Amino acid sequence: MTRKGLLAEVLSKARHYDNCENYRVGYRDYEQILEVSLSEFLDLSENFEKIPAGRIYFVKRNGLYLYQSQNYMKLLSSLSEHEQ
């Protein structure tokens, strides 16, 4: 499934102990970041076969970020530098 760590823990808890519709997943799809519900992501990724966990940039629950990848943080940082 996913590498052990924060992401795996968040996804496991969301899938088994909570409503997946409360969670939003942001993942890289070519040159854009798409945001979908966790249940939709699991369907699209076919349980991480088509979309590996390494392409997940963030996981939110009711608008609160539970996980952010280092790549996503770098992307946000570079975008804020370009706006200045």
PDB file of N, CA and C in Angstrom:
ATOM      1  N   MET A   1       0.836  -1.181   0.000  1.00  0.00           N
ATOM      2  CA  MET A   1       0.000   0.000   0.000  1.00  0.00           C
ATOM      3  C   MET A   1       0.880   1.243   0.000  1.00  0.00           C
ATOM      4  N   THR A   2       1.004   1.940   1.122  1.00  0.00           N
ATOM      5  CA  THR A   2       1.824   3.147   1.180  1.00  0.00           C
ATOM      6  C   THR A   2       3.010   2.894   2.086  1.00  0.00           C
ATOM      7  N   ARG A   3       4.010   3.768   1.999  1.00  0.00           N
ATOM      8  CA  ARG A   3       5.128   3.679   2.916  1.00  0.00           C
ATOM      9  C   ARG A   3       4.630   3.979   4.319  1.00  0.00           C
ATOM     10  N   LYS A   4       5.232   3.325   5.307  1.00  0.00           N
ATOM     11  CA  LYS A   4       4.825   3.574   6.683  1.00  0.00           C
ATOM     12  C   LYS A   4       5.199   4.998   7.054  1.00  0.00           C
ATOM     13  N   GLY A   5       4.399   5.610   7.854  1.00  0.00           N
ATOM     14  CA  GLY A   5       4.655   6.966   8.287  1.00  0.00           C
ATOM     15  C   GLY A   5       3.351   7.703   8.483  1.00  0.00           C
ATOM     16  N   LEU A   6       3.460   9.017   8.542  1.00  0.00           N
ATOM     17  CA  LEU A   6       2.301   9.851   8.803  1.00  0.00           C
ATOM     18  C   LEU A   6       1.209   9.661   7.755  1.00  0.00           C
ATOM     19  N   LEU A   7       1.577   9.649   6.484  1.00  0.00           N
ATOM     20  CA  LEU A   7       0.586   9.491   5.417  1.00  0.00           C
ATOM     21  C   LEU A   7      -0.161   8.173   5.566  1.00  0.00           C
ATOM     22  N   ALA A   8       0.556   7.094   5.779  1.00  0.00           N
ATOM     23  CA  ALA A   8      -0.079   5.782   5.936  1.00  0.00           C
ATOM     24  C   ALA A   8      -1.011   5.763   7.131  1.00  0.00           C
ATOM     25  N   GLU A   9      -0.593   6.395   8.212  1.00  0.00           N
ATOM     26  CA  GLU A   9      -1.426   6.438   9.416  1.00  0.00           C
ATOM     27  C   GLU A   9      -2.706   7.232   9.176  1.00  0.00           C
ATOM     28  N   VAL A  10      -2.594   8.385   8.551  1.00  0.00           N
ATOM     29  CA  VAL A  10      -3.766   9.219   8.263  1.00  0.00           C
ATOM     30  C   VAL A  10      -4.741   8.476   7.356  1.00  0.00           C
ATOM     31  N   LEU A  11      -4.230   7.864   6.292  1.00  0.00           N
ATOM     32  CA  LEU A  11      -5.100   7.157   5.354  1.00  0.00           C
ATOM     33  C   LEU A  11      -5.754   5.945   6.002  1.00  0.00           C
ATOM     34  N   SER A  12      -5.009   5.239   6.812  1.00  0.00           N
ATOM     35  CA  SER A  12      -5.562   4.063   7.485  1.00  0.00           C
ATOM     36  C   SER A  12      -6.696   4.445   8.431  1.00  0.00           C
ATOM     37  N   LYS A  13      -6.476   5.475   9.230  1.00  0.00           N
ATOM     38  CA  LYS A  13      -7.519   5.926  10.161  1.00  0.00           C
ATOM     39  C   LYS A  13      -8.741   6.426   9.403  1.00  0.00           C
ATOM     40  N   ALA A  14      -8.513   7.141   8.320  1.00  0.00           N
ATOM     41  CA  ALA A  14      -9.630   7.675   7.532  1.00  0.00           C
ATOM     42  C   ALA A  14     -10.458   6.549   6.919  1.00  0.00           C
ATOM     43  N   ARG A  15      -9.794   5.542   6.417  1.00  0.00           N
ATOM     44  CA  ARG A  15     -10.489   4.441   5.738  1.00  0.00           C
ATOM     45  C   ARG A  15     -11.237   3.538   6.702  1.00  0.00           C
ATOM     46  N   HIS A  16     -10.665   3.294   7.870  1.00  0.00           N
ATOM     47  CA  HIS A  16     -11.215   2.276   8.753  1.00  0.00           C
ATOM     48  C   HIS A  16     -12.020   2.811   9.932  1.00  0.00           C
ATOM     49  N   TYR A  17     -11.795   4.058  10.319  1.00  0.00           N
ATOM     50  CA  TYR A  17     -12.438   4.566  11.532  1.00  0.00           C
ATOM     51  C   TYR A  17     -13.256   5.833  11.336  1.00  0.00           C
ATOM     52  N   ASP A  18     -13.329   6.335  10.120  1.00  0.00           N
ATOM     53  CA  ASP A  18     -14.027   7.598   9.875  1.00  0.00           C
ATOM     54  C   ASP A  18     -14.711   7.531   8.513  1.00  0.00           C
ATOM     55  N   ASN A  19     -15.438   8.572   8.190  1.00  0.00           N
ATOM     56  CA  ASN A  19     -16.116   8.686   6.903  1.00  0.00           C
ATOM     57  C   ASN A  19     -15.133   9.240   5.872  1.00  0.00           C
ATOM     58  N   CYS A  20     -14.850   8.484   4.833  1.00  0.00           N
ATOM     59  CA  CYS A  20     -13.894   8.907   3.800  1.00  0.00           C
ATOM     60  C   CYS A  20     -14.301  10.204   3.115  1.00  0.00           C
ATOM     61  N   GLU A  21     -15.576  10.508   3.119  1.00  0.00           N
ATOM     62  CA  GLU A  21     -16.050  11.730   2.454  1.00  0.00           C
ATOM     63  C   GLU A  21     -15.629  12.991   3.206  1.00  0.00           C
ATOM     64  N   ASN A  22     -15.198  12.862   4.452  1.00  0.00           N
ATOM     65  CA  ASN A  22     -14.717  14.014   5.219  1.00  0.00           C
ATOM     66  C   ASN A  22     -13.293  14.399   4.828  1.00  0.00           C
ATOM     67  N   TYR A  23     -12.641  13.566   4.054  1.00  0.00           N
ATOM     68  CA  TYR A  23     -11.230  13.755   3.712  1.00  0.00           C
ATOM     69  C   TYR A  23     -11.081  14.144   2.244  1.00  0.00           C
ATOM     70  N   ARG A  24     -10.145  15.065   1.997  1.00  0.00           N
ATOM     71  CA  ARG A  24      -9.810  15.486   0.639  1.00  0.00           C
ATOM     72  C   ARG A  24      -8.330  15.181   0.412  1.00  0.00           C
ATOM     73  N   VAL A  25      -8.024  14.671  -0.778  1.00  0.00           N
ATOM     74  CA  VAL A  25      -6.653  14.320  -1.136  1.00  0.00           C
ATOM     75  C   VAL A  25      -6.235  15.179  -2.312  1.00  0.00           C
ATOM     76  N   GLY A  26      -5.087  15.805  -2.192  1.00  0.00           N
ATOM     77  CA  GLY A  26      -4.496  16.557  -3.298  1.00  0.00           C
ATOM     78  C   GLY A  26      -3.338  15.755  -3.862  1.00  0.00           C
ATOM     79  N   TYR A  27      -3.369  15.496  -5.159  1.00  0.00           N
ATOM     80  CA  TYR A  27      -2.303  14.706  -5.764  1.00  0.00           C
ATOM     81  C   TYR A  27      -1.882  15.325  -7.089  1.00  0.00           C
ATOM     82  N   ARG A  28      -0.637  15.018  -7.474  1.00  0.00           N
ATOM     83  CA  ARG A  28      -0.086  15.545  -8.715  1.00  0.00           C
ATOM     84  C   ARG A  28      -0.561  14.689  -9.878  1.00  0.00           C
ATOM     85  N   ASP A  29      -1.130  15.369 -10.868  1.00  0.00           N
ATOM     86  CA  ASP A  29      -1.548  14.722 -12.110  1.00  0.00           C
ATOM     87  C   ASP A  29      -0.949  15.534 -13.244  1.00  0.00           C
ATOM     88  N   TYR A  30       0.145  15.044 -13.791  1.00  0.00           N
ATOM     89  CA  TYR A  30       0.937  15.772 -14.779  1.00  0.00           C
ATOM     90  C   TYR A  30       1.407  17.084 -14.171  1.00  0.00           C
ATOM     91  N   GLU A  31       1.026  18.217 -14.702  1.00  0.00           N
ATOM     92  CA  GLU A  31       1.526  19.499 -14.211  1.00  0.00           C
ATOM     93  C   GLU A  31       0.521  20.240 -13.340  1.00  0.00           C
ATOM     94  N   GLN A  32      -0.464  19.535 -12.810  1.00  0.00           N
ATOM     95  CA  GLN A  32      -1.454  20.197 -11.961  1.00  0.00           C
ATOM     96  C   GLN A  32      -1.698  19.385 -10.697  1.00  0.00           C
ATOM     97  N   ILE A  33      -2.264  20.030  -9.698  1.00  0.00           N
ATOM     98  CA  ILE A  33      -2.642  19.354  -8.471  1.00  0.00           C
ATOM     99  C   ILE A  33      -4.163  19.243  -8.461  1.00  0.00           C
ATOM    100  N   LEU A  34      -4.643  18.020  -8.393  1.00  0.00           N
ATOM    101  CA  LEU A  34      -6.076  17.768  -8.347  1.00  0.00           C
ATOM    102  C   LEU A  34      -6.476  17.452  -6.912  1.00  0.00           C
ATOM    103  N   GLU A  35      -7.669  17.885  -6.522  1.00  0.00           N
ATOM    104  CA  GLU A  35      -8.178  17.619  -5.180  1.00  0.00           C
ATOM    105  C   GLU A  35      -9.505  16.879  -5.297  1.00  0.00           C
ATOM    106  N   VAL A  36      -9.578  15.696  -4.677  1.00  0.00           N
ATOM    107  CA  VAL A  36     -10.774  14.861  -4.713  1.00  0.00           C
ATOM    108  C   VAL A  36     -11.006  14.282  -3.318  1.00  0.00           C
ATOM    109  N   SER A  37     -12.177  13.711  -3.110  1.00  0.00           N
ATOM    110  CA  SER A  37     -12.437  13.045  -1.836  1.00  0.00           C
ATOM    111  C   SER A  37     -11.564  11.793  -1.738  1.00  0.00           C
ATOM    112  N   LEU A  38     -11.343  11.334  -0.525  1.00  0.00           N
ATOM    113  CA  LEU A  38     -10.522  10.143  -0.334  1.00  0.00           C
ATOM    114  C   LEU A  38     -11.134   8.931  -1.019  1.00  0.00           C
ATOM    115  N   SER A  39     -12.434   8.768  -0.913  1.00  0.00           N
ATOM    116  CA  SER A  39     -13.057   7.614  -1.562  1.00  0.00           C
ATOM    117  C   SER A  39     -12.893   7.678  -3.078  1.00  0.00           C
ATOM    118  N   GLU A  40     -13.007   8.872  -3.654  1.00  0.00           N
ATOM    119  CA  GLU A  40     -12.798   9.012  -5.101  1.00  0.00           C
ATOM    120  C   GLU A  40     -11.341   8.723  -5.464  1.00  0.00           C
ATOM    121  N   PHE A  41     -10.415   9.199  -4.641  1.00  0.00           N
ATOM    122  CA  PHE A  41      -9.002   8.940  -4.890  1.00  0.00           C
ATOM    123  C   PHE A  41      -8.703   7.443  -4.871  1.00  0.00           C
ATOM    124  N   LEU A  42      -9.269   6.730  -3.904  1.00  0.00           N
ATOM    125  CA  LEU A  42      -9.040   5.286  -3.812  1.00  0.00           C
ATOM    126  C   LEU A  42      -9.585   4.563  -5.037  1.00  0.00           C
ATOM    127  N   ASP A  43     -10.724   5.024  -5.540  1.00  0.00           N
ATOM    128  CA  ASP A  43     -11.273   4.436  -6.769  1.00  0.00           C
ATOM    129  C   ASP A  43     -10.380   4.736  -7.975  1.00  0.00           C
ATOM    130  N   LEU A  44      -9.984   6.012  -8.112  1.00  0.00           N
ATOM    131  CA  LEU A  44      -9.145   6.416  -9.246  1.00  0.00           C
ATOM    132  C   LEU A  44      -7.791   5.710  -9.226  1.00  0.00           C
ATOM    133  N   SER A  45      -7.221   5.602  -8.050  1.00  0.00           N
ATOM    134  CA  SER A  45      -5.872   5.046  -7.940  1.00  0.00           C
ATOM    135  C   SER A  45      -5.860   3.520  -7.938  1.00  0.00           C
ATOM    136  N   GLU A  46      -7.052   2.938  -7.855  1.00  0.00           N
ATOM    137  CA  GLU A  46      -7.174   1.477  -7.757  1.00  0.00           C
ATOM    138  C   GLU A  46      -6.260   0.961  -6.651  1.00  0.00           C
ATOM    139  N   ASN A  47      -6.502   1.515  -5.453  1.00  0.00           N
ATOM    140  CA  ASN A  47      -5.749   1.165  -4.241  1.00  0.00           C
ATOM    141  C   ASN A  47      -4.236   1.358  -4.434  1.00  0.00           C
ATOM    142  N   PHE A  48      -3.869   2.518  -4.970  1.00  0.00           N
ATOM    143  CA  PHE A  48      -2.491   2.968  -5.160  1.00  0.00           C
ATOM    144  C   PHE A  48      -1.755   2.246  -6.284  1.00  0.00           C
ATOM    145  N   GLU A  49      -2.474   1.544  -7.156  1.00  0.00           N
ATOM    146  CA  GLU A  49      -1.825   0.890  -8.291  1.00  0.00           C
ATOM    147  C   GLU A  49      -1.560   1.886  -9.423  1.00  0.00           C
ATOM    148  N   LYS A  50      -2.523   2.752  -9.729  1.00  0.00           N
ATOM    149  CA  LYS A  50      -2.371   3.711 -10.832  1.00  0.00           C
ATOM    150  C   LYS A  50      -1.781   5.035 -10.371  1.00  0.00           C
ATOM    151  N   ILE A  51      -2.072   5.429  -9.150  1.00  0.00           N
ATOM    152  CA  ILE A  51      -1.542   6.671  -8.596  1.00  0.00           C
ATOM    153  C   ILE A  51      -0.816   6.311  -7.307  1.00  0.00           C
ATOM    154  N   PRO A  52       0.518   6.304  -7.324  1.00  0.00           N
ATOM    155  CA  PRO A  52       1.255   5.908  -6.128  1.00  0.00           C
ATOM    156  C   PRO A  52       1.163   6.958  -5.019  1.00  0.00           C
ATOM    157  N   ALA A  53       1.382   6.512  -3.805  1.00  0.00           N
ATOM    158  CA  ALA A  53       1.300   7.403  -2.646  1.00  0.00           C
ATOM    159  C   ALA A  53       2.286   8.562  -2.745  1.00  0.00           C
ATOM    160  N   GLY A  54       3.376   8.376  -3.456  1.00  0.00           N
ATOM    161  CA  GLY A  54       4.369   9.439  -3.608  1.00  0.00           C
ATOM    162  C   GLY A  54       3.859  10.660  -4.348  1.00  0.00           C
ATOM    163  N   ARG A  55       2.742  10.532  -5.057  1.00  0.00           N
ATOM    164  CA  ARG A  55       2.172  11.676  -5.772  1.00  0.00           C
ATOM    165  C   ARG A  55       1.140  12.427  -4.946  1.00  0.00           C
ATOM    166  N   ILE A  56       0.894  11.980  -3.723  1.00  0.00           N
ATOM    167  CA  ILE A  56      -0.036  12.697  -2.839  1.00  0.00           C
ATOM    168  C   ILE A  56       0.687  13.892  -2.238  1.00  0.00           C
ATOM    169  N   TYR A  57       0.107  15.068  -2.409  1.00  0.00           N
ATOM    170  CA  TYR A  57       0.687  16.288  -1.854  1.00  0.00           C
ATOM    171  C   TYR A  57       0.095  16.639  -0.499  1.00  0.00           C
ATOM    172  N   PHE A  58      -1.194  16.389  -0.315  1.00  0.00           N
ATOM    173  CA  PHE A  58      -1.793  16.707   0.985  1.00  0.00           C
ATOM    174  C   PHE A  58      -3.040  15.878   1.226  1.00  0.00           C
ATOM    175  N   VAL A  59      -3.400  15.786   2.508  1.00  0.00           N
ATOM    176  CA  VAL A  59      -4.654  15.176   2.929  1.00  0.00           C
ATOM    177  C   VAL A  59      -5.275  16.137   3.930  1.00  0.00           C
ATOM    178  N   LYS A  60      -6.538  16.499   3.698  1.00  0.00           N
ATOM    179  CA  LYS A  60      -7.263  17.413   4.586  1.00  0.00           C
ATOM    180  C   LYS A  60      -8.498  16.706   5.131  1.00  0.00           C
ATOM    181  N   ARG A  61      -8.866  17.061   6.352  1.00  0.00           N
ATOM    182  CA  ARG A  61     -10.127  16.594   6.935  1.00  0.00           C
ATOM    183  C   ARG A  61     -10.900  17.822   7.368  1.00  0.00           C
ATOM    184  N   ASN A  62     -12.051  18.020   6.758  1.00  0.00           N
ATOM    185  CA  ASN A  62     -12.880  19.193   7.046  1.00  0.00           C
ATOM    186  C   ASN A  62     -12.077  20.486   6.978  1.00  0.00           C
ATOM    187  N   GLY A  63     -11.210  20.599   5.976  1.00  0.00           N
ATOM    188  CA  GLY A  63     -10.446  21.824   5.746  1.00  0.00           C
ATOM    189  C   GLY A  63      -9.144  21.930   6.518  1.00  0.00           C
ATOM    190  N   LEU A  64      -8.880  21.024   7.438  1.00  0.00           N
ATOM    191  CA  LEU A  64      -7.654  21.055   8.243  1.00  0.00           C
ATOM    192  C   LEU A  64      -6.631  20.090   7.643  1.00  0.00           C
ATOM    193  N   TYR A  65      -5.425  20.604   7.362  1.00  0.00           N
ATOM    194  CA  TYR A  65      -4.386  19.757   6.780  1.00  0.00           C
ATOM    195  C   TYR A  65      -3.886  18.761   7.818  1.00  0.00           C
ATOM    196  N   LEU A  66      -3.978  17.480   7.493  1.00  0.00           N
ATOM    197  CA  LEU A  66      -3.452  16.424   8.348  1.00  0.00           C
ATOM    198  C   LEU A  66      -2.093  15.943   7.858  1.00  0.00           C
ATOM    199  N   TYR A  67      -1.854  16.106   6.558  1.00  0.00           N
ATOM    200  CA  TYR A  67      -0.591  15.678   5.954  1.00  0.00           C
ATOM    201  C   TYR A  67      -0.258  16.624   4.812  1.00  0.00           C
ATOM    202  N   GLN A  68       1.012  17.036   4.740  1.00  0.00           N
ATOM    203  CA  GLN A  68       1.531  17.799   3.604  1.00  0.00           C
ATOM    204  C   GLN A  68       2.900  17.247   3.263  1.00  0.00           C
ATOM    205  N   SER A  69       3.119  16.918   2.013  1.00  0.00           N
ATOM    206  CA  SER A  69       4.423  16.394   1.608  1.00  0.00           C
ATOM    207  C   SER A  69       5.436  17.520   1.537  1.00  0.00           C
ATOM    208  N   GLN A  70       6.705  17.164   1.601  1.00  0.00           N
ATOM    209  CA  GLN A  70       7.773  18.154   1.471  1.00  0.00           C
ATOM    210  C   GLN A  70       7.718  18.829   0.100  1.00  0.00           C
ATOM    211  N   ASN A  71       7.378  18.071  -0.948  1.00  0.00           N
ATOM    212  CA  ASN A  71       7.280  18.651  -2.289  1.00  0.00           C
ATOM    213  C   ASN A  71       6.197  19.718  -2.353  1.00  0.00           C
ATOM    214  N   TYR A  72       5.087  19.484  -1.677  1.00  0.00           N
ATOM    215  CA  TYR A  72       3.995  20.456  -1.657  1.00  0.00           C
ATOM    216  C   TYR A  72       4.433  21.715  -0.924  1.00  0.00           C
ATOM    217  N   MET A  73       5.144  21.552   0.176  1.00  0.00           N
ATOM    218  CA  MET A  73       5.619  22.708   0.936  1.00  0.00           C
ATOM    219  C   MET A  73       6.599  23.534   0.096  1.00  0.00           C
ATOM    220  N   LYS A  74       7.471  22.852  -0.660  1.00  0.00           N
ATOM    221  CA  LYS A  74       8.414  23.557  -1.543  1.00  0.00           C
ATOM    222  C   LYS A  74       7.664  24.295  -2.646  1.00  0.00           C
ATOM    223  N   LEU A  75       6.638  23.659  -3.199  1.00  0.00           N
ATOM    224  CA  LEU A  75       5.839  24.280  -4.248  1.00  0.00           C
ATOM    225  C   LEU A  75       5.163  25.541  -3.731  1.00  0.00           C
ATOM    226  N   LEU A  76       4.560  25.473  -2.559  1.00  0.00           N
ATOM    227  CA  LEU A  76       3.913  26.645  -1.971  1.00  0.00           C
ATOM    228  C   LEU A  76       4.915  27.754  -1.704  1.00  0.00           C
ATOM    229  N   SER A  77       6.088  27.377  -1.228  1.00  0.00           N
ATOM    230  CA  SER A  77       7.126  28.355  -0.959  1.00  0.00           C
ATOM    231  C   SER A  77       7.576  29.065  -2.240  1.00  0.00           C
ATOM    232  N   SER A  78       7.779  28.301  -3.297  1.00  0.00           N
ATOM    233  CA  SER A  78       8.218  28.903  -4.559  1.00  0.00           C
ATOM    234  C   SER A  78       7.140  29.790  -5.167  1.00  0.00           C
ATOM    235  N   LEU A  79       5.864  29.392  -5.004  1.00  0.00           N
ATOM    236  CA  LEU A  79       4.776  30.215  -5.519  1.00  0.00           C
ATOM    237  C   LEU A  79       4.686  31.541  -4.771  1.00  0.00           C
ATOM    238  N   SER A  80       4.885  31.515  -3.464  1.00  0.00           N
ATOM    239  CA  SER A  80       4.808  32.753  -2.691  1.00  0.00           C
ATOM    240  C   SER A  80       5.983  33.670  -3.031  1.00  0.00           C
ATOM    241  N   GLU A  81       7.155  33.097  -3.358  1.00  0.00           N
ATOM    242  CA  GLU A  81       8.300  33.919  -3.769  1.00  0.00           C
ATOM    243  C   GLU A  81       8.033  34.603  -5.098  1.00  0.00           C
ATOM    244  N   HIS A  82       7.350  33.931  -6.027  1.00  0.00           N
ATOM    245  CA  HIS A  82       7.059  34.510  -7.327  1.00  0.00           C
ATOM    246  C   HIS A  82       6.021  35.626  -7.240  1.00  0.00           C
ATOM    247  N   GLU A  83       5.163  35.576  -6.239  1.00  0.00           N
ATOM    248  CA  GLU A  83       4.121  36.606  -6.082  1.00  0.00           C
ATOM    249  C   GLU A  83       4.674  37.903  -5.542  1.00  0.00           C
ATOM    250  N   GLN A  84       5.838  37.835  -4.916  1.00  0.00           N
ATOM    251  CA  GLN A  84       6.412  39.046  -4.313  1.00  0.00           C
ATOM    252  C   GLN A  84       7.100  39.908  -5.309  1.00  0.00           C
TER     253      GLN A  84
END
